[in-house]
Amino acid sequence: MSRNRSYRRYTDEFKRDAIRLVEQEGLPVAQVARDLGVNANSLHNWLKKHREERGDDVSESEQEELQRLRR
């Protein structure tokens, strides 16, 4: 009773365009995902990977410091 799931593959160009809409246009992830017919979690994953590759991700120690400063 297993279901065959087919996963949609997105081109790198499509992913870059979606990321640009969020980062440069300032649109919410949920809106971009809905407009493009993409799962919001997938878009979040693309953004995370993009930021890691670009080196923008905040390190764990930086996150801890930010939490401490917000208190």
N, C-alpha and C. Protein backbone atom coordinates (compact mmCIF):
# COMPACT_ATOMS: atom_id res chain seq x y z
N MET A 1 0.81 -1.19 0.00
CA MET A 1 0.00 0.00 0.00
C MET A 1 0.86 1.26 0.00
N SER A 2 2.02 1.16 -0.54
CA SER A 2 2.86 2.36 -0.60
C SER A 2 2.49 3.18 -1.82
N ARG A 3 2.60 4.47 -1.65
CA ARG A 3 2.29 5.38 -2.75
C ARG A 3 3.57 5.77 -3.47
N ASN A 4 3.46 5.85 -4.75
CA ASN A 4 4.58 6.37 -5.53
C ASN A 4 4.49 7.88 -5.52
N ARG A 5 5.50 8.50 -4.99
CA ARG A 5 5.51 9.96 -4.95
C ARG A 5 6.44 10.47 -6.03
N SER A 6 5.97 11.42 -6.76
CA SER A 6 6.84 12.04 -7.74
C SER A 6 7.19 13.43 -7.21
N TYR A 7 8.44 13.72 -7.22
CA TYR A 7 8.92 14.99 -6.72
C TYR A 7 9.25 15.89 -7.90
N ARG A 8 8.83 17.11 -7.78
CA ARG A 8 9.10 18.07 -8.83
C ARG A 8 10.51 18.60 -8.67
N ARG A 9 11.24 18.64 -9.74
CA ARG A 9 12.60 19.16 -9.73
C ARG A 9 12.56 20.58 -10.28
N TYR A 10 13.25 21.47 -9.60
CA TYR A 10 13.29 22.87 -10.00
C TYR A 10 14.69 23.19 -10.52
N THR A 11 14.74 24.01 -11.55
CA THR A 11 16.04 24.39 -12.10
C THR A 11 16.74 25.36 -11.15
N ASP A 12 18.05 25.44 -11.28
CA ASP A 12 18.81 26.39 -10.47
C ASP A 12 18.35 27.82 -10.75
N GLU A 13 18.01 28.10 -11.99
CA GLU A 13 17.55 29.45 -12.35
C GLU A 13 16.23 29.77 -11.63
N PHE A 14 15.33 28.82 -11.58
CA PHE A 14 14.05 29.01 -10.89
C PHE A 14 14.29 29.30 -9.42
N LYS A 15 15.20 28.53 -8.80
CA LYS A 15 15.52 28.72 -7.39
C LYS A 15 16.13 30.10 -7.15
N ARG A 16 17.06 30.50 -8.03
CA ARG A 16 17.68 31.83 -7.89
C ARG A 16 16.64 32.93 -7.99
N ASP A 17 15.71 32.79 -8.91
CA ASP A 17 14.66 33.80 -9.06
C ASP A 17 13.78 33.87 -7.81
N ALA A 18 13.45 32.72 -7.25
CA ALA A 18 12.64 32.70 -6.02
C ALA A 18 13.40 33.34 -4.87
N ILE A 19 14.68 33.03 -4.75
CA ILE A 19 15.52 33.62 -3.69
C ILE A 19 15.61 35.12 -3.86
N ARG A 20 15.75 35.58 -5.10
CA ARG A 20 15.85 37.01 -5.37
C ARG A 20 14.57 37.73 -4.94
N LEU A 21 13.43 37.13 -5.19
CA LEU A 21 12.16 37.75 -4.79
C LEU A 21 12.09 37.96 -3.29
N VAL A 22 12.64 37.02 -2.54
CA VAL A 22 12.62 37.14 -1.08
C VAL A 22 13.67 38.13 -0.60
N GLU A 23 14.91 37.97 -1.08
CA GLU A 23 16.01 38.77 -0.54
C GLU A 23 16.06 40.19 -1.09
N GLN A 24 15.85 40.35 -2.38
CA GLN A 24 16.01 41.69 -2.97
C GLN A 24 14.70 42.46 -3.05
N GLU A 25 13.61 41.75 -3.28
CA GLU A 25 12.32 42.43 -3.38
C GLU A 25 11.64 42.54 -2.01
N GLY A 26 12.12 41.78 -1.05
CA GLY A 26 11.58 41.85 0.30
C GLY A 26 10.22 41.20 0.48
N LEU A 27 9.87 40.30 -0.42
CA LEU A 27 8.58 39.63 -0.31
C LEU A 27 8.65 38.50 0.71
N PRO A 28 7.56 38.24 1.41
CA PRO A 28 7.54 37.15 2.39
C PRO A 28 7.70 35.79 1.71
N VAL A 29 8.39 34.89 2.39
CA VAL A 29 8.61 33.55 1.86
C VAL A 29 7.28 32.88 1.53
N ALA A 30 6.31 32.98 2.42
CA ALA A 30 5.02 32.33 2.20
C ALA A 30 4.36 32.83 0.92
N GLN A 31 4.43 34.12 0.68
CA GLN A 31 3.80 34.69 -0.52
C GLN A 31 4.51 34.21 -1.78
N VAL A 32 5.84 34.26 -1.78
CA VAL A 32 6.61 33.83 -2.95
C VAL A 32 6.34 32.36 -3.23
N ALA A 33 6.36 31.55 -2.18
CA ALA A 33 6.10 30.12 -2.35
C ALA A 33 4.72 29.88 -2.94
N ARG A 34 3.74 30.56 -2.40
CA ARG A 34 2.36 30.40 -2.89
C ARG A 34 2.25 30.85 -4.35
N ASP A 35 2.83 32.01 -4.66
CA ASP A 35 2.74 32.54 -6.02
C ASP A 35 3.43 31.62 -7.05
N LEU A 36 4.51 30.97 -6.63
CA LEU A 36 5.27 30.12 -7.54
C LEU A 36 4.83 28.66 -7.49
N GLY A 37 3.94 28.33 -6.57
CA GLY A 37 3.48 26.95 -6.46
C GLY A 37 4.52 26.02 -5.86
N VAL A 38 5.30 26.56 -4.93
CA VAL A 38 6.38 25.82 -4.29
C VAL A 38 6.04 25.66 -2.81
N ASN A 39 6.45 24.57 -2.22
CA ASN A 39 6.28 24.38 -0.79
C ASN A 39 7.17 25.39 -0.07
N ALA A 40 6.63 26.07 0.93
CA ALA A 40 7.38 27.10 1.66
C ALA A 40 8.62 26.52 2.33
N ASN A 41 8.54 25.28 2.80
CA ASN A 41 9.71 24.65 3.41
C ASN A 41 10.83 24.47 2.40
N SER A 42 10.47 24.15 1.17
CA SER A 42 11.49 24.02 0.12
C SER A 42 12.18 25.35 -0.11
N LEU A 43 11.40 26.41 -0.18
CA LEU A 43 11.98 27.74 -0.39
C LEU A 43 12.87 28.13 0.78
N HIS A 44 12.46 27.83 2.00
CA HIS A 44 13.31 28.09 3.17
C HIS A 44 14.63 27.33 3.05
N ASN A 45 14.57 26.09 2.60
CA ASN A 45 15.79 25.30 2.43
C ASN A 45 16.70 25.90 1.37
N TRP A 46 16.12 26.37 0.27
CA TRP A 46 16.93 27.01 -0.78
C TRP A 46 17.61 28.25 -0.24
N LEU A 47 16.87 29.05 0.53
CA LEU A 47 17.43 30.26 1.12
C LEU A 47 18.57 29.93 2.08
N LYS A 48 18.37 28.92 2.90
CA LYS A 48 19.40 28.53 3.87
C LYS A 48 20.66 28.08 3.15
N LYS A 49 20.50 27.24 2.14
CA LYS A 49 21.65 26.75 1.38
C LYS A 49 22.36 27.91 0.69
N HIS A 50 21.59 28.81 0.11
CA HIS A 50 22.16 29.97 -0.58
C HIS A 50 22.98 30.82 0.39
N ARG A 51 22.44 31.07 1.56
CA ARG A 51 23.14 31.89 2.55
C ARG A 51 24.38 31.19 3.08
N GLU A 52 24.32 29.88 3.25
CA GLU A 52 25.50 29.13 3.69
C GLU A 52 26.60 29.20 2.64
N GLU A 53 26.22 29.03 1.38
CA GLU A 53 27.20 29.09 0.30
C GLU A 53 27.81 30.48 0.18
N ARG A 54 27.01 31.48 0.47
CA ARG A 54 27.46 32.86 0.37
C ARG A 54 28.22 33.29 1.63
N GLY A 55 28.07 32.51 2.69
CA GLY A 55 28.77 32.82 3.93
C GLY A 55 28.02 33.81 4.80
N ASP A 56 26.72 33.97 4.58
CA ASP A 56 25.92 34.92 5.36
C ASP A 56 25.31 34.30 6.61
N ASP A 57 25.40 33.01 6.72
CA ASP A 57 24.75 32.36 7.85
C ASP A 57 25.41 32.78 9.15
N VAL A 58 24.61 33.04 10.13
CA VAL A 58 25.11 33.44 11.44
C VAL A 58 25.57 32.18 12.17
N SER A 59 26.77 32.23 12.72
CA SER A 59 27.30 31.07 13.43
C SER A 59 26.52 30.82 14.71
N GLU A 60 26.70 29.63 15.27
CA GLU A 60 25.99 29.28 16.50
C GLU A 60 26.39 30.21 17.64
N SER A 61 27.67 30.54 17.73
CA SER A 61 28.11 31.44 18.81
C SER A 61 27.52 32.84 18.63
N GLU A 62 27.39 33.28 17.38
CA GLU A 62 26.77 34.58 17.12
C GLU A 62 25.29 34.56 17.48
N GLN A 63 24.63 33.45 17.21
CA GLN A 63 23.22 33.32 17.57
C GLN A 63 23.05 33.38 19.09
N GLU A 64 23.95 32.70 19.80
CA GLU A 64 23.89 32.71 21.26
C GLU A 64 24.11 34.12 21.80
N GLU A 65 25.05 34.84 21.20
CA GLU A 65 25.31 36.21 21.64
C GLU A 65 24.11 37.10 21.37
N LEU A 66 23.48 36.94 20.22
CA LEU A 66 22.29 37.72 19.91
C LEU A 66 21.18 37.44 20.93
N GLN A 67 20.99 36.18 21.27
CA GLN A 67 19.98 35.82 22.27
C GLN A 67 20.30 36.49 23.61
N ARG A 68 21.57 36.46 23.99
CA ARG A 68 21.99 37.06 25.26
C ARG A 68 21.74 38.56 25.25
N LEU A 69 22.05 39.22 24.15
CA LEU A 69 21.88 40.67 24.06
C LEU A 69 20.41 41.08 24.04
N ARG A 70 19.55 40.22 23.55
CA ARG A 70 18.12 40.54 23.49
C ARG A 70 17.44 40.47 24.85
N ARG A 71 18.06 39.83 25.81
CA ARG A 71 17.46 39.67 27.14
C ARG A 71 17.50 40.93 27.93
